[in-house]
Amino acid sequence: MEAWFNHKLDICKSVHQAPQDTPPFHFTKFVLTHNDISPRNLILDQHEQVWLIDWAYSGAYPPVFESAALSIQPFFTDFNEAVLFLISRYPEEEKQLDSIAYGSTTAALA
C-alpha cells in the first residue's frame, strides 16, 4: 500500500502536481475505517441507538483515511464538518493525501 501511494506521489511530483517537498508516505498504524460516513449510512432504531451501515468501502487503513474521506465528500457538508469536529484529525497527513489527487484520478492508470 505504501509503495502504491509513493508511486502516485512520484508521478505527481514529476508533472508538478504536488509540492516537491511533500514527504514520502510511511504508514505505521492501521485501524478499521468506514470511509463513507454520511447520513445515508446511519440508522436510528426505536431505542435511539445509532447504527452505521454500508461498510462497502471499509477496511484496515491508516487513521487519516477516515478524516480525509469526510473532507473531500461533496455532499452533507454540515454533517461532515460536525463529524470532523468529533474525530481525530491528521492535518499533515491529510495534506499529503491531497497532494496525490492528480495521481489517483487523472493519472490513475500510471
Protein backbone atom coordinates (compact mmCIF):
# COMPACT_ATOMS: atom_id res chain seq x y z
CA MET A 1 0.00 0.00 0.00
CA GLU A 2 2.76 2.41 0.94
CA ALA A 3 4.58 1.69 -2.33
CA TRP A 4 1.44 2.50 -4.37
CA PHE A 5 0.95 5.83 -2.59
CA ASN A 6 4.62 6.74 -3.01
CA HIS A 7 4.45 5.84 -6.71
CA LYS A 8 1.47 8.20 -7.12
CA LEU A 9 3.37 10.88 -5.22
CA ASP A 10 6.37 10.46 -7.55
CA ILE A 11 4.09 10.83 -10.58
CA CYS A 12 2.53 13.99 -9.17
CA LYS A 13 5.91 15.48 -8.38
CA SER A 14 7.26 14.65 -11.85
CA VAL A 15 4.45 16.60 -13.55
CA HIS A 16 4.47 19.41 -10.96
CA GLN A 17 1.10 18.47 -9.47
CA ALA A 18 2.48 18.03 -5.95
CA PRO A 19 4.94 20.15 -3.99
CA GLN A 20 8.46 18.79 -4.37
CA ASP A 21 8.93 18.86 -0.60
CA THR A 22 5.97 16.54 0.07
CA PRO A 23 7.42 13.74 2.20
CA PRO A 24 7.03 10.10 1.17
CA PHE A 25 4.24 8.09 2.74
CA HIS A 26 5.14 5.97 5.73
CA PHE A 27 2.18 4.14 7.24
CA THR A 28 2.85 2.73 10.70
CA LYS A 29 -0.64 2.22 12.10
CA PHE A 30 -3.76 0.66 10.59
CA VAL A 31 -7.28 0.83 12.01
CA LEU A 32 -10.74 -0.17 10.88
CA THR A 33 -12.18 2.71 8.86
CA HIS A 34 -15.63 3.06 7.29
CA ASN A 35 -14.62 5.60 4.59
CA ASP A 36 -18.22 6.58 3.76
CA ILE A 37 -19.70 8.09 6.91
CA SER A 38 -22.76 10.09 5.88
CA PRO A 39 -26.41 10.47 6.92
CA ARG A 40 -27.46 7.95 4.27
CA ASN A 41 -25.42 5.32 6.13
CA LEU A 42 -26.90 5.93 9.58
CA ILE A 43 -29.98 4.26 11.03
CA LEU A 44 -31.65 5.33 14.27
CA ASP A 45 -33.54 2.44 15.86
CA GLN A 46 -36.54 2.51 18.21
CA HIS A 47 -34.21 2.67 21.24
CA GLU A 48 -32.40 5.72 19.82
CA GLN A 49 -29.35 3.59 19.08
CA VAL A 50 -27.41 4.77 16.01
CA TRP A 51 -26.19 2.12 13.57
CA LEU A 52 -23.54 2.71 10.92
CA ILE A 53 -24.36 0.65 7.83
CA ASP A 54 -22.91 0.03 4.34
CA TRP A 55 -19.35 -0.98 5.01
CA ALA A 56 -18.52 -1.47 1.31
CA TYR A 57 -15.56 0.97 1.40
CA SER A 58 -14.29 -0.08 4.81
CA GLY A 59 -11.02 -1.74 5.59
CA ALA A 60 -7.83 -1.60 7.61
CA TYR A 61 -6.27 1.72 6.63
CA PRO A 62 -4.21 4.45 8.27
CA PRO A 63 -6.38 6.53 10.65
CA VAL A 64 -6.12 9.61 8.40
CA PHE A 65 -8.26 7.90 5.74
CA GLU A 66 -11.50 8.48 7.67
CA SER A 67 -11.00 12.23 8.07
CA ALA A 68 -9.64 12.56 4.53
CA ALA A 69 -12.73 10.82 3.11
CA LEU A 70 -15.02 13.16 5.03
CA SER A 71 -13.01 16.21 3.98
CA ILE A 72 -13.47 15.59 0.26
CA GLN A 73 -17.07 14.35 0.33
CA PRO A 74 -19.12 16.93 -1.63
CA PHE A 75 -22.48 16.12 -0.04
CA PHE A 76 -23.77 16.71 3.51
CA THR A 77 -21.11 19.36 4.22
CA ASP A 78 -22.65 20.44 7.54
CA PHE A 79 -22.79 16.83 8.68
CA ASN A 80 -19.20 16.24 7.54
CA GLU A 81 -17.96 19.27 9.47
CA ALA A 82 -19.77 18.08 12.61
CA VAL A 83 -18.21 14.62 12.37
CA LEU A 84 -14.77 16.06 11.58
CA PHE A 85 -15.05 18.14 14.75
CA LEU A 86 -15.59 14.95 16.78
CA ILE A 87 -12.97 12.62 15.31
CA SER A 88 -9.18 12.71 15.33
CA ARG A 89 -7.65 14.89 12.63
CA TYR A 90 -4.30 14.47 10.92
CA PRO A 91 -3.71 17.76 9.08
CA GLU A 92 -0.23 16.93 7.75
CA GLU A 93 -1.28 13.50 6.52
CA GLU A 94 -4.49 14.93 5.01
CA LYS A 95 -2.37 17.46 3.11
CA GLN A 96 -0.07 14.65 2.00
CA LEU A 97 -3.02 12.61 0.69
CA ASP A 98 -4.38 15.67 -1.07
CA SER A 99 -1.03 16.04 -2.86
CA ILE A 100 -1.62 12.81 -4.80
CA ALA A 101 -5.13 13.67 -6.00
CA TYR A 102 -3.89 14.12 -9.57
CA GLY A 103 -2.06 10.79 -9.48
CA SER A 104 -5.04 8.88 -8.17
CA THR A 105 -7.59 10.44 -10.54
CA THR A 106 -6.25 11.93 -13.78
CA ALA A 107 -3.21 9.65 -13.84
CA ALA A 108 -4.98 6.69 -12.26
CA LEU A 109 -3.51 4.11 -14.63
CA ALA A 110 0.07 5.38 -14.42
